[in-house]
């Protein structure tokens, strides 16, 4: 049966598909197509002849075995191979070939996309918002010829995504899905903020400064803890930049989100105090290192600042440090300590 194998090989080569892969897929597809024809033999193989541009279906019939006392139900044996290529197989063979080539091309394209994006996981990419009327809960982001998905869970509450708008997104995952590669991106991931700072701050790229922790409530506020790895470098100053230029450039990508940059410390008390910025802690008492609990003492006029709107500042400080932080009035503590001192003095005098 004729089949333009040379033309198919040429087409496949253009997509980076080797002849062996095409031949194996084509042989199997033609074999399965043959098995669906009337009176097809149960056992068959397809032999391709690229030079002649043809293929042959070689079939084998089952020959029942002779029962014996030792083996009353013997397995059948296979007879000689014979040419059983159906005469009217041409149209079906051509349709099967087209389907195989189309599937291989799609797989090759998917592999190319997957290969290009598998190394992008955890990185920042720029894309163009594409709204899909059939998929209103998710936002589609075009990155070159590929569409990435910005699911609702990765979107920033209150952030609007307009069709045709350029946005920077963080690549959360690249996987092989049922319909090809699935690229999931995020606008709410804490690591998006890290990657944005890396674009603006050379000291982060060189390693002179490290971001040690990030706590983020996307769309509202982010806290970042930084430390210097090189003497003489001001880590907070590096991220803020001259006249606040660097932090401003990052905030332009985040909309109204505020950013607090604080000094990281290996000393839990110092780190907890810094994390409550912009409030100033007069002191921090570590209650339990094992349970990571501490109390921060704040002046009365700064208590609401330390707690933040709806508890946000205290919540982010706890997330940033990994510690449970209680907040108490510095004045109330001083008063309590003074009373305690007076009481102990009175006992001594007695």
C-alpha atoms as a PDB file:
ATOM      1  CA  UNK A   1       0.000   0.000   0.000  1.00  0.00           C
ATOM      2  CA  UNK A   2       1.462   3.378  -1.023  1.00  0.00           C
ATOM      3  CA  UNK A   3       2.318   6.077   1.531  1.00  0.00           C
ATOM      4  CA  UNK A   4       4.473   9.180   1.010  1.00  0.00           C
ATOM      5  CA  UNK A   5       7.015   8.267   3.693  1.00  0.00           C
ATOM      6  CA  UNK A   6       9.809  10.433   2.233  1.00  0.00           C
ATOM      7  CA  UNK A   7       7.579  13.524   2.420  1.00  0.00           C
ATOM      8  CA  UNK A   8       6.571  12.669   5.981  1.00  0.00           C
ATOM      9  CA  UNK A   9      10.200  12.228   7.043  1.00  0.00           C
ATOM     10  CA  UNK A  10      11.016  15.622   5.540  1.00  0.00           C
ATOM     11  CA  UNK A  11       8.134  17.287   7.409  1.00  0.00           C
ATOM     12  CA  UNK A  12       9.117  15.567  10.660  1.00  0.00           C
ATOM     13  CA  UNK A  13      12.783  16.571  10.293  1.00  0.00           C
ATOM     14  CA  UNK A  14      11.669  20.208  10.109  1.00  0.00           C
ATOM     15  CA  UNK A  15      10.112  19.793  13.574  1.00  0.00           C
ATOM     16  CA  UNK A  16      13.141  18.011  14.995  1.00  0.00           C
ATOM     17  CA  UNK A  17      11.461  14.567  14.943  1.00  0.00           C
ATOM     18  CA  UNK A  18      13.806  11.737  13.933  1.00  0.00           C
ATOM     19  CA  UNK A  19      12.701   9.150  11.292  1.00  0.00           C
ATOM     20  CA  UNK A  20      12.790   6.253  13.799  1.00  0.00           C
ATOM     21  CA  UNK A  21      10.278   7.997  16.105  1.00  0.00           C
ATOM     22  CA  UNK A  22       7.960   8.738  13.176  1.00  0.00           C
ATOM     23  CA  UNK A  23       8.217   5.204  11.766  1.00  0.00           C
ATOM     24  CA  UNK A  24       7.540   3.558  15.145  1.00  0.00           C
ATOM     25  CA  UNK A  25       4.482   5.770  15.793  1.00  0.00           C
ATOM     26  CA  UNK A  26       3.194   5.302  12.239  1.00  0.00           C
ATOM     27  CA  UNK A  27       3.636   1.502  12.285  1.00  0.00           C
ATOM     28  CA  UNK A  28       1.766   1.169  15.572  1.00  0.00           C
ATOM     29  CA  UNK A  29      -1.062   3.503  14.445  1.00  0.00           C
ATOM     30  CA  UNK A  30      -1.471   1.592  11.148  1.00  0.00           C
ATOM     31  CA  UNK A  31      -1.451  -1.735  13.025  1.00  0.00           C
ATOM     32  CA  UNK A  32      -4.244  -0.507  15.337  1.00  0.00           C
ATOM     33  CA  UNK A  33      -6.183   0.819  12.328  1.00  0.00           C
ATOM     34  CA  UNK A  34      -5.823  -2.578  10.606  1.00  0.00           C
ATOM     35  CA  UNK A  35      -7.108  -4.424  13.702  1.00  0.00           C
ATOM     36  CA  UNK A  36     -10.349  -2.410  13.455  1.00  0.00           C
ATOM     37  CA  UNK A  37     -11.008  -3.595   9.873  1.00  0.00           C
ATOM     38  CA  UNK A  38     -13.428  -6.498   9.244  1.00  0.00           C
ATOM     39  CA  UNK A  39     -11.909 -10.025   9.434  1.00  0.00           C
ATOM     40  CA  UNK A  40      -8.553  -8.668  10.687  1.00  0.00           C
ATOM     41  CA  UNK A  41      -6.135 -11.235  12.129  1.00  0.00           C
ATOM     42  CA  UNK A  42      -5.494 -10.929  15.891  1.00  0.00           C
ATOM     43  CA  UNK A  43      -1.715 -10.887  15.403  1.00  0.00           C
ATOM     44  CA  UNK A  44      -0.182  -8.424  12.955  1.00  0.00           C
ATOM     45  CA  UNK A  45       2.746  -6.098  12.403  1.00  0.00           C
ATOM     46  CA  UNK A  46       3.268  -3.265   9.913  1.00  0.00           C
ATOM     47  CA  UNK A  47       6.443  -3.042   7.863  1.00  0.00           C
ATOM     48  CA  UNK A  48       7.322   0.311   6.310  1.00  0.00           C
ATOM     49  CA  UNK A  49       9.453   0.626   3.166  1.00  0.00           C
ATOM     50  CA  UNK A  50      10.628   4.259   2.974  1.00  0.00           C
ATOM     51  CA  UNK A  51      12.443   3.693  -0.358  1.00  0.00           C
ATOM     52  CA  UNK A  52       9.375   2.314  -2.124  1.00  0.00           C
ATOM     53  CA  UNK A  53       7.066   4.674  -0.227  1.00  0.00           C
ATOM     54  CA  UNK A  54       4.833   1.816   0.850  1.00  0.00           C
ATOM     55  CA  UNK A  55       3.846  -0.366   3.791  1.00  0.00           C
ATOM     56  CA  UNK A  56       2.707  -3.951   4.274  1.00  0.00           C
ATOM     57  CA  UNK A  57       0.526  -5.523   6.961  1.00  0.00           C
ATOM     58  CA  UNK A  58       1.975  -8.920   7.889  1.00  0.00           C
ATOM     59  CA  UNK A  59      -0.586 -11.081   9.707  1.00  0.00           C
ATOM     60  CA  UNK A  60      -0.424 -14.404  11.550  1.00  0.00           C
ATOM     61  CA  UNK A  61      -3.260 -16.766  12.357  1.00  0.00           C
ATOM     62  CA  UNK A  62      -3.571 -18.775  15.554  1.00  0.00           C
ATOM     63  CA  UNK A  63      -3.287 -22.571  15.157  1.00  0.00           C
ATOM     64  CA  UNK A  64      -5.016 -24.488  17.967  1.00  0.00           C
ATOM     65  CA  UNK A  65      -2.715 -26.898  19.842  1.00  0.00           C
ATOM     66  CA  UNK A  66      -3.400 -30.631  20.154  1.00  0.00           C
ATOM     67  CA  UNK A  67      -4.604 -31.480  23.701  1.00  0.00           C
ATOM     68  CA  UNK A  68      -2.589 -34.089  25.582  1.00  0.00           C
ATOM     69  CA  UNK A  69      -2.981 -35.774  28.938  1.00  0.00           C
ATOM     70  CA  UNK A  70      -0.314 -33.514  30.435  1.00  0.00           C
ATOM     71  CA  UNK A  71      -1.698 -30.359  28.769  1.00  0.00           C
ATOM     72  CA  UNK A  72      -5.433 -30.634  28.031  1.00  0.00           C
ATOM     73  CA  UNK A  73      -5.704 -26.890  27.167  1.00  0.00           C
ATOM     74  CA  UNK A  74      -2.578 -26.021  25.161  1.00  0.00           C
ATOM     75  CA  UNK A  75      -1.908 -22.432  24.066  1.00  0.00           C
ATOM     76  CA  UNK A  76      -2.334 -21.862  20.331  1.00  0.00           C
ATOM     77  CA  UNK A  77       0.753 -21.395  18.168  1.00  0.00           C
ATOM     78  CA  UNK A  78       1.178 -18.762  15.455  1.00  0.00           C
ATOM     79  CA  UNK A  79       1.239 -19.734  11.796  1.00  0.00           C
ATOM     80  CA  UNK A  80       3.356 -18.317   8.986  1.00  0.00           C
ATOM     81  CA  UNK A  81       3.196 -14.592   8.278  1.00  0.00           C
ATOM     82  CA  UNK A  82       1.224 -13.541   5.222  1.00  0.00           C
ATOM     83  CA  UNK A  83       0.444 -10.233   3.516  1.00  0.00           C
ATOM     84  CA  UNK A  84      -2.990  -9.099   4.709  1.00  0.00           C
ATOM     85  CA  UNK A  85      -2.866  -5.448   3.667  1.00  0.00           C
ATOM     86  CA  UNK A  86      -6.524  -4.483   2.991  1.00  0.00           C
ATOM     87  CA  UNK A  87      -7.131  -3.362  -0.626  1.00  0.00           C
ATOM     88  CA  UNK A  88      -9.314  -0.432   0.425  1.00  0.00           C
ATOM     89  CA  UNK A  89      -6.932   0.665   3.202  1.00  0.00           C
ATOM     90  CA  UNK A  90      -5.546   3.716   1.357  1.00  0.00           C
ATOM     91  CA  UNK A  91      -7.932   6.400   2.664  1.00  0.00           C
ATOM     92  CA  UNK A  92      -7.810   5.091   6.250  1.00  0.00           C
ATOM     93  CA  UNK A  93      -4.006   4.818   6.097  1.00  0.00           C
ATOM     94  CA  UNK A  94      -3.681   8.425   4.878  1.00  0.00           C
ATOM     95  CA  UNK A  95      -6.013   9.696   7.645  1.00  0.00           C
ATOM     96  CA  UNK A  96      -4.078   7.679  10.240  1.00  0.00           C
ATOM     97  CA  UNK A  97      -0.766   9.090   8.962  1.00  0.00           C
ATOM     98  CA  UNK A  98      -2.114  12.653   9.179  1.00  0.00           C
ATOM     99  CA  UNK A  99      -3.268  12.043  12.757  1.00  0.00           C
ATOM    100  CA  UNK A 100       0.082  10.559  13.804  1.00  0.00           C
ATOM    101  CA  UNK A 101       2.039  13.447  12.299  1.00  0.00           C
ATOM    102  CA  UNK A 102      -0.254  16.000  13.910  1.00  0.00           C
ATOM    103  CA  UNK A 103       0.164  14.322  17.356  1.00  0.00           C
ATOM    104  CA  UNK A 104       3.942  14.104  16.979  1.00  0.00           C
ATOM    105  CA  UNK A 105       4.149  17.750  15.902  1.00  0.00           C
ATOM    106  CA  UNK A 106       2.040  18.818  18.878  1.00  0.00           C
ATOM    107  CA  UNK A 107       4.211  16.762  21.244  1.00  0.00           C
ATOM    108  CA  UNK A 108       7.393  18.218  19.711  1.00  0.00           C
ATOM    109  CA  UNK A 109       5.980  21.736  20.151  1.00  0.00           C
ATOM    110  CA  UNK A 110       4.959  20.957  23.744  1.00  0.00           C
ATOM    111  CA  UNK A 111       8.425  19.543  24.488  1.00  0.00           C
ATOM    112  CA  UNK A 112       9.988  22.694  23.059  1.00  0.00           C
ATOM    113  CA  UNK A 113       7.795  24.926  25.258  1.00  0.00           C
ATOM    114  CA  UNK A 114       8.330  22.733  28.317  1.00  0.00           C
ATOM    115  CA  UNK A 115      12.095  22.752  27.729  1.00  0.00           C
ATOM    116  CA  UNK A 116      12.135  26.543  27.374  1.00  0.00           C
ATOM    117  CA  UNK A 117      10.088  27.115  30.536  1.00  0.00           C
ATOM    118  CA  UNK A 118      11.257  24.311  32.833  1.00  0.00           C
ATOM    119  CA  UNK A 119      14.305  26.453  33.649  1.00  0.00           C
ATOM    120  CA  UNK A 120      12.101  29.498  34.347  1.00  0.00           C
ATOM    121  CA  UNK A 121      10.500  28.085  37.506  1.00  0.00           C
ATOM    122  CA  UNK A 122      11.192  30.453  40.399  1.00  0.00           C
ATOM    123  CA  UNK A 123      12.046  33.331  38.054  1.00  0.00           C
ATOM    124  CA  UNK A 124      10.466  36.625  37.117  1.00  0.00           C
ATOM    125  CA  UNK A 125       9.031  36.982  33.618  1.00  0.00           C
ATOM    126  CA  UNK A 126       7.157  39.713  31.781  1.00  0.00           C
ATOM    127  CA  UNK A 127       3.967  38.959  29.899  1.00  0.00           C
ATOM    128  CA  UNK A 128       0.905  40.589  28.381  1.00  0.00           C
ATOM    129  CA  UNK A 129      -2.531  40.132  29.950  1.00  0.00           C
ATOM    130  CA  UNK A 130      -4.939  38.169  27.748  1.00  0.00           C
ATOM    131  CA  UNK A 131      -8.501  37.990  29.051  1.00  0.00           C
ATOM    132  CA  UNK A 132     -10.373  34.808  28.140  1.00  0.00           C
ATOM    133  CA  UNK A 133     -14.164  35.180  28.036  1.00  0.00           C
ATOM    134  CA  UNK A 134     -14.564  31.420  28.615  1.00  0.00           C
ATOM    135  CA  UNK A 135     -12.306  31.495  31.696  1.00  0.00           C
ATOM    136  CA  UNK A 136     -13.239  34.551  33.748  1.00  0.00           C
ATOM    137  CA  UNK A 137     -11.809  33.410  37.101  1.00  0.00           C
ATOM    138  CA  UNK A 138      -8.259  33.035  35.759  1.00  0.00           C
ATOM    139  CA  UNK A 139      -6.085  35.538  33.909  1.00  0.00           C
ATOM    140  CA  UNK A 140      -4.121  34.360  30.883  1.00  0.00           C
ATOM    141  CA  UNK A 141      -0.687  35.927  30.392  1.00  0.00           C
ATOM    142  CA  UNK A 142       0.960  35.748  26.983  1.00  0.00           C
ATOM    143  CA  UNK A 143       4.721  35.195  27.173  1.00  0.00           C
ATOM    144  CA  UNK A 144       5.953  35.150  23.585  1.00  0.00           C
ATOM    145  CA  UNK A 145       3.916  32.486  21.772  1.00  0.00           C
ATOM    146  CA  UNK A 146       2.950  30.742  25.006  1.00  0.00           C
ATOM    147  CA  UNK A 147       0.110  31.434  27.427  1.00  0.00           C
ATOM    148  CA  UNK A 148       0.761  31.179  31.155  1.00  0.00           C
ATOM    149  CA  UNK A 149      -2.027  30.950  33.701  1.00  0.00           C
ATOM    150  CA  UNK A 150      -2.493  33.392  36.588  1.00  0.00           C
ATOM    151  CA  UNK A 151      -5.087  31.549  38.725  1.00  0.00           C
ATOM    152  CA  UNK A 152      -7.349  33.400  41.141  1.00  0.00           C
ATOM    153  CA  UNK A 153      -5.409  32.022  44.144  1.00  0.00           C
ATOM    154  CA  UNK A 154      -2.215  33.667  42.797  1.00  0.00           C
ATOM    155  CA  UNK A 155      -3.841  37.039  42.058  1.00  0.00           C
ATOM    156  CA  UNK A 156      -3.557  40.071  44.342  1.00  0.00           C
ATOM    157  CA  UNK A 157      -6.855  41.023  46.010  1.00  0.00           C
ATOM    158  CA  UNK A 158      -8.139  44.257  44.458  1.00  0.00           C
ATOM    159  CA  UNK A 159      -5.567  44.231  41.615  1.00  0.00           C
ATOM    160  CA  UNK A 160      -7.123  44.644  38.160  1.00  0.00           C
ATOM    161  CA  UNK A 161      -5.624  43.019  35.083  1.00  0.00           C
ATOM    162  CA  UNK A 162      -6.457  44.859  31.883  1.00  0.00           C
ATOM    163  CA  UNK A 163      -6.272  43.198  28.478  1.00  0.00           C
ATOM    164  CA  UNK A 164      -3.052  44.139  26.683  1.00  0.00           C
ATOM    165  CA  UNK A 165      -1.338  45.390  29.857  1.00  0.00           C
ATOM    166  CA  UNK A 166       2.297  44.337  30.476  1.00  0.00           C
ATOM    167  CA  UNK A 167       2.852  42.738  33.884  1.00  0.00           C
ATOM    168  CA  UNK A 168       5.689  41.054  35.721  1.00  0.00           C
ATOM    169  CA  UNK A 169       4.854  37.670  37.203  1.00  0.00           C
ATOM    170  CA  UNK A 170       6.655  34.996  39.210  1.00  0.00           C
ATOM    171  CA  UNK A 171       6.758  31.481  37.715  1.00  0.00           C
ATOM    172  CA  UNK A 172       5.349  29.149  40.380  1.00  0.00           C
ATOM    173  CA  UNK A 173       5.260  25.901  38.423  1.00  0.00           C
ATOM    174  CA  UNK A 174       5.908  24.362  35.008  1.00  0.00           C
ATOM    175  CA  UNK A 175       4.321  20.954  34.458  1.00  0.00           C
ATOM    176  CA  UNK A 176       3.122  18.656  31.701  1.00  0.00           C
ATOM    177  CA  UNK A 177      -0.670  18.809  31.604  1.00  0.00           C
ATOM    178  CA  UNK A 178      -3.258  16.880  29.587  1.00  0.00           C
ATOM    179  CA  UNK A 179      -3.433  19.702  27.048  1.00  0.00           C
ATOM    180  CA  UNK A 180       0.306  20.380  26.904  1.00  0.00           C
ATOM    181  CA  UNK A 181       2.659  22.336  29.183  1.00  0.00           C
ATOM    182  CA  UNK A 182       0.984  24.209  32.049  1.00  0.00           C
ATOM    183  CA  UNK A 183       2.797  27.327  33.210  1.00  0.00           C
ATOM    184  CA  UNK A 184       1.374  28.739  36.446  1.00  0.00           C
ATOM    185  CA  UNK A 185       2.430  32.261  37.416  1.00  0.00           C
ATOM    186  CA  UNK A 186       1.785  34.443  40.459  1.00  0.00           C
ATOM    187  CA  UNK A 187       1.402  38.076  41.451  1.00  0.00           C
ATOM    188  CA  UNK A 188       0.889  37.356  45.166  1.00  0.00           C
ATOM    189  CA  UNK A 189       3.892  35.094  45.906  1.00  0.00           C
ATOM    190  CA  UNK A 190       6.420  36.546  48.428  1.00  0.00           C
ATOM    191  CA  UNK A 191       9.283  35.537  46.102  1.00  0.00           C
ATOM    192  CA  UNK A 192       7.958  37.969  43.471  1.00  0.00           C
ATOM    193  CA  UNK A 193       9.142  40.788  45.761  1.00  0.00           C
ATOM    194  CA  UNK A 194      12.592  39.188  46.107  1.00  0.00           C
ATOM    195  CA  UNK A 195      12.981  38.891  42.327  1.00  0.00           C
ATOM    196  CA  UNK A 196      11.863  42.515  41.818  1.00  0.00           C
ATOM    197  CA  UNK A 197      14.509  43.708  44.292  1.00  0.00           C
ATOM    198  CA  UNK A 198      17.165  41.583  42.564  1.00  0.00           C
ATOM    199  CA  UNK A 199      16.471  43.542  39.369  1.00  0.00           C
ATOM    200  CA  UNK A 200      17.155  46.835  41.155  1.00  0.00           C
ATOM    201  CA  UNK A 201      19.824  46.011  43.751  1.00  0.00           C
ATOM    202  CA  UNK A 202      23.288  44.941  42.465  1.00  0.00           C
ATOM    203  CA  UNK A 203      24.361  44.095  46.042  1.00  0.00           C
ATOM    204  CA  UNK A 204      21.787  41.259  46.127  1.00  0.00           C
ATOM    205  CA  UNK A 205      23.144  39.771  42.904  1.00  0.00           C
ATOM    206  CA  UNK A 206      26.772  40.091  44.032  1.00  0.00           C
ATOM    207  CA  UNK A 207      25.978  38.541  47.429  1.00  0.00           C
ATOM    208  CA  UNK A 208      27.070  41.589  49.458  1.00  0.00           C
ATOM    209  CA  UNK A 209      23.509  41.727  50.849  1.00  0.00           C
ATOM    210  CA  UNK A 210      21.037  38.884  51.482  1.00  0.00           C
ATOM    211  CA  UNK A 211      17.274  38.886  51.934  1.00  0.00           C
ATOM    212  CA  UNK A 212      16.868  36.531  54.902  1.00  0.00           C
ATOM    213  CA  UNK A 213      13.080  36.444  55.194  1.00  0.00           C
ATOM    214  CA  UNK A 214       9.963  37.836  53.507  1.00  0.00           C
ATOM    215  CA  UNK A 215       6.436  38.102  54.932  1.00  0.00           C
ATOM    216  CA  UNK A 216       3.782  39.343  52.552  1.00  0.00           C
ATOM    217  CA  UNK A 217       0.105  40.180  52.536  1.00  0.00           C
ATOM    218  CA  UNK A 218      -0.202  40.830  48.815  1.00  0.00           C
ATOM    219  CA  UNK A 219      -1.715  44.156  47.875  1.00  0.00           C
ATOM    220  CA  UNK A 220      -1.314  45.574  51.385  1.00  0.00           C
ATOM    221  CA  UNK A 221       2.121  45.225  52.984  1.00  0.00           C
ATOM    222  CA  UNK A 222       5.390  43.309  52.777  1.00  0.00           C
ATOM    223  CA  UNK A 223       8.133  43.040  55.383  1.00  0.00           C
ATOM    224  CA  UNK A 224      11.652  42.102  54.345  1.00  0.00           C
ATOM    225  CA  UNK A 225      14.546  41.194  56.660  1.00  0.00           C
ATOM    226  CA  UNK A 226      18.027  41.880  55.257  1.00  0.00           C
ATOM    227  CA  UNK A 227      21.611  41.438  56.360  1.00  0.00           C
ATOM    228  CA  UNK A 228      25.007  42.466  55.007  1.00  0.00           C
ATOM    229  CA  UNK A 229      27.578  39.809  54.112  1.00  0.00           C
ATOM    230  CA  UNK A 230      30.289  42.373  53.410  1.00  0.00           C
ATOM    231  CA  UNK A 231      31.690  44.814  55.939  1.00  0.00           C
ATOM    232  CA  UNK A 232      30.810  48.464  55.431  1.00  0.00           C
ATOM    233  CA  UNK A 233      27.619  47.731  53.467  1.00  0.00           C
ATOM    234  CA  UNK A 234      24.326  49.115  54.780  1.00  0.00           C
ATOM    235  CA  UNK A 235      21.794  46.395  53.814  1.00  0.00           C
ATOM    236  CA  UNK A 236      18.677  48.525  54.337  1.00  0.00           C
ATOM    237  CA  UNK A 237      20.261  51.414  52.450  1.00  0.00           C
ATOM    238  CA  UNK A 238      21.150  49.099  49.541  1.00  0.00           C
ATOM    239  CA  UNK A 239      17.506  48.073  49.097  1.00  0.00           C
ATOM    240  CA  UNK A 240      16.128  51.572  49.605  1.00  0.00           C
ATOM    241  CA  UNK A 241      18.614  53.085  47.139  1.00  0.00           C
ATOM    242  CA  UNK A 242      19.639  56.742  46.583  1.00  0.00           C
ATOM    243  CA  UNK A 243      16.667  58.913  47.502  1.00  0.00           C
ATOM    244  CA  UNK A 244      14.534  55.755  47.794  1.00  0.00           C
ATOM    245  CA  UNK A 245      14.833  55.085  44.032  1.00  0.00           C
ATOM    246  CA  UNK A 246      15.260  51.297  44.281  1.00  0.00           C
ATOM    247  CA  UNK A 247      12.406  50.570  46.657  1.00  0.00           C
ATOM    248  CA  UNK A 248      10.208  52.973  44.660  1.00  0.00           C
ATOM    249  CA  UNK A 249      10.942  51.055  41.434  1.00  0.00           C
ATOM    250  CA  UNK A 250       9.836  47.825  43.143  1.00  0.00           C
ATOM    251  CA  UNK A 251       6.696  49.440  44.559  1.00  0.00           C
ATOM    252  CA  UNK A 252       5.725  50.663  41.080  1.00  0.00           C
ATOM    253  CA  UNK A 253       5.348  46.977  40.140  1.00  0.00           C
ATOM    254  CA  UNK A 254       3.254  46.241  43.228  1.00  0.00           C
ATOM    255  CA  UNK A 255       0.691  49.052  43.129  1.00  0.00           C
ATOM    256  CA  UNK A 256      -0.334  50.459  46.531  1.00  0.00           C
ATOM    257  CA  UNK A 257       1.527  47.769  48.525  1.00  0.00           C
ATOM    258  CA  UNK A 258       3.784  49.186  51.271  1.00  0.00           C
ATOM    259  CA  UNK A 259       7.232  47.728  51.981  1.00  0.00           C
ATOM    260  CA  UNK A 260       9.050  47.666  55.336  1.00  0.00           C
ATOM    261  CA  UNK A 261      12.748  46.814  55.201  1.00  0.00           C
ATOM    262  CA  UNK A 262      14.230  45.731  58.540  1.00  0.00           C
ATOM    263  CA  UNK A 263      17.573  44.445  59.813  1.00  0.00           C
ATOM    264  CA  UNK A 264      17.792  40.690  60.304  1.00  0.00           C
ATOM    265  CA  UNK A 265      19.542  39.456  63.448  1.00  0.00           C
ATOM    266  CA  UNK A 266      20.495  36.055  64.828  1.00  0.00           C
ATOM    267  CA  UNK A 267      19.490  37.455  68.242  1.00  0.00           C
ATOM    268  CA  UNK A 268      15.740  36.780  68.509  1.00  0.00           C
ATOM    269  CA  UNK A 269      15.079  39.800  70.747  1.00  0.00           C
ATOM    270  CA  UNK A 270      16.788  42.167  68.292  1.00  0.00           C
ATOM    271  CA  UNK A 271      15.055  40.596  65.287  1.00  0.00           C
ATOM    272  CA  UNK A 272      11.590  40.771  66.910  1.00  0.00           C
ATOM    273  CA  UNK A 273      12.154  44.429  67.852  1.00  0.00           C
ATOM    274  CA  UNK A 274      13.250  45.286  64.294  1.00  0.00           C
ATOM    275  CA  UNK A 275      10.346  43.330  62.735  1.00  0.00           C
ATOM    276  CA  UNK A 276       7.759  45.522  64.511  1.00  0.00           C
ATOM    277  CA  UNK A 277       9.000  48.584  62.583  1.00  0.00           C
ATOM    278  CA  UNK A 278       7.808  51.332  62.070  1.00  0.00           C
ATOM    279  CA  UNK A 279       6.992  51.035  65.807  1.00  0.00           C
ATOM    280  CA  UNK A 280      10.008  51.256  68.143  1.00  0.00           C
ATOM    281  CA  UNK A 281      10.246  48.584  70.854  1.00  0.00           C
ATOM    282  CA  UNK A 282      11.817  49.713  74.147  1.00  0.00           C
ATOM    283  CA  UNK A 283      12.706  46.089  74.844  1.00  0.00           C
ATOM    284  CA  UNK A 284      11.874  42.478  74.040  1.00  0.00           C
ATOM    285  CA  UNK A 285      11.629  39.670  76.562  1.00  0.00           C
ATOM    286  CA  UNK A 286      12.144  36.147  75.226  1.00  0.00           C
ATOM    287  CA  UNK A 287       9.664  33.923  77.073  1.00  0.00           C
ATOM    288  CA  UNK A 288      10.606  30.579  75.455  1.00  0.00           C
ATOM    289  CA  UNK A 289      13.239  29.894  72.808  1.00  0.00           C
ATOM    290  CA  UNK A 290      11.856  26.380  72.394  1.00  0.00           C
ATOM    291  CA  UNK A 291       8.301  27.580  71.692  1.00  0.00           C
ATOM    292  CA  UNK A 292       9.566  30.766  70.017  1.00  0.00           C
ATOM    293  CA  UNK A 293       7.476  33.144  72.121  1.00  0.00           C
ATOM    294  CA  UNK A 294       8.434  36.687  73.081  1.00  0.00           C
ATOM    295  CA  UNK A 295       6.901  39.894  74.450  1.00  0.00           C
ATOM    296  CA  UNK A 296       7.730  43.281  72.924  1.00  0.00           C
ATOM    297  CA  UNK A 297       7.295  46.411  75.050  1.00  0.00           C
ATOM    298  CA  UNK A 298       6.074  49.467  73.162  1.00  0.00           C
ATOM    299  CA  UNK A 299       5.313  53.038  74.290  1.00  0.00           C
ATOM    300  CA  UNK A 300       1.594  53.713  74.625  1.00  0.00           C
ATOM    301  CA  UNK A 301       1.602  56.253  71.800  1.00  0.00           C
ATOM    302  CA  UNK A 302       3.024  53.601  69.438  1.00  0.00           C
ATOM    303  CA  UNK A 303       0.943  50.578  70.460  1.00  0.00           C
ATOM    304  CA  UNK A 304      -1.553  50.989  67.618  1.00  0.00           C
ATOM    305  CA  UNK A 305       1.381  51.393  65.171  1.00  0.00           C
ATOM    306  CA  UNK A 306       2.998  48.168  66.446  1.00  0.00           C
ATOM    307  CA  UNK A 307      -0.246  46.226  66.137  1.00  0.00           C
ATOM    308  CA  UNK A 308      -1.195  47.851  62.824  1.00  0.00           C
ATOM    309  CA  UNK A 309      -4.543  48.083  61.079  1.00  0.00           C
ATOM    310  CA  UNK A 310      -6.539  44.928  61.918  1.00  0.00           C
ATOM    311  CA  UNK A 311      -3.376  43.504  63.530  1.00  0.00           C
ATOM    312  CA  UNK A 312      -1.472  43.455  60.228  1.00  0.00           C
ATOM    313  CA  UNK A 313       1.889  44.812  61.448  1.00  0.00           C
ATOM    314  CA  UNK A 314       2.097  42.383  64.367  1.00  0.00           C
ATOM    315  CA  UNK A 315       0.923  39.505  62.158  1.00  0.00           C
ATOM    316  CA  UNK A 316       3.581  40.191  59.498  1.00  0.00           C
ATOM    317  CA  UNK A 317       6.283  40.609  62.168  1.00  0.00           C
ATOM    318  CA  UNK A 318       5.359  37.177  63.560  1.00  0.00           C
ATOM    319  CA  UNK A 319       5.406  35.645  60.067  1.00  0.00           C
ATOM    320  CA  UNK A 320       8.757  37.284  59.266  1.00  0.00           C
ATOM    321  CA  UNK A 321      10.506  36.139  62.449  1.00  0.00           C
ATOM    322  CA  UNK A 322       8.706  32.824  62.954  1.00  0.00           C
ATOM    323  CA  UNK A 323       8.044  33.896  66.569  1.00  0.00           C
ATOM    324  CA  UNK A 324       4.775  34.380  68.480  1.00  0.00           C
ATOM    325  CA  UNK A 325       4.945  38.006  69.597  1.00  0.00           C
ATOM    326  CA  UNK A 326       2.949  39.469  72.465  1.00  0.00           C
ATOM    327  CA  UNK A 327       2.766  43.286  72.561  1.00  0.00           C
ATOM    328  CA  UNK A 328       2.562  45.118  75.885  1.00  0.00           C
ATOM    329  CA  UNK A 329       2.695  48.717  77.043  1.00  0.00           C
ATOM    330  CA  UNK A 330       6.190  49.850  78.070  1.00  0.00           C
ATOM    331  CA  UNK A 331       4.623  52.341  80.546  1.00  0.00           C
ATOM    332  CA  UNK A 332       2.473  49.634  82.181  1.00  0.00           C
ATOM    333  CA  UNK A 333       5.529  47.436  82.524  1.00  0.00           C
ATOM    334  CA  UNK A 334       7.623  50.263  84.039  1.00  0.00           C
ATOM    335  CA  UNK A 335       4.808  50.970  86.509  1.00  0.00           C
ATOM    336  CA  UNK A 336       4.520  47.282  87.422  1.00  0.00           C
ATOM    337  CA  UNK A 337       8.279  47.025  87.917  1.00  0.00           C
ATOM    338  CA  UNK A 338       8.315  50.176  90.048  1.00  0.00           C
ATOM    339  CA  UNK A 339       5.481  48.793  92.226  1.00  0.00           C
ATOM    340  CA  UNK A 340       7.300  45.485  92.483  1.00  0.00           C
ATOM    341  CA  UNK A 341      10.502  47.305  93.529  1.00  0.00           C
ATOM    342  CA  UNK A 342       8.586  49.393  96.138  1.00  0.00           C
ATOM    343  CA  UNK A 343       6.962  46.241  97.490  1.00  0.00           C
ATOM    344  CA  UNK A 344      10.295  44.430  97.838  1.00  0.00           C
ATOM    345  CA  UNK A 345      11.844  47.569  99.497  1.00  0.00           C
ATOM    346  CA  UNK A 346       8.963  47.621 101.992  1.00  0.00           C
ATOM    347  CA  UNK A 347       9.534  43.971 102.828  1.00  0.00           C
ATOM    348  CA  UNK A 348      13.258  44.629 103.367  1.00  0.00           C
ATOM    349  CA  UNK A 349      12.538  47.528 105.762  1.00  0.00           C
ATOM    350  CA  UNK A 350      10.274  45.318 107.840  1.00  0.00           C
END
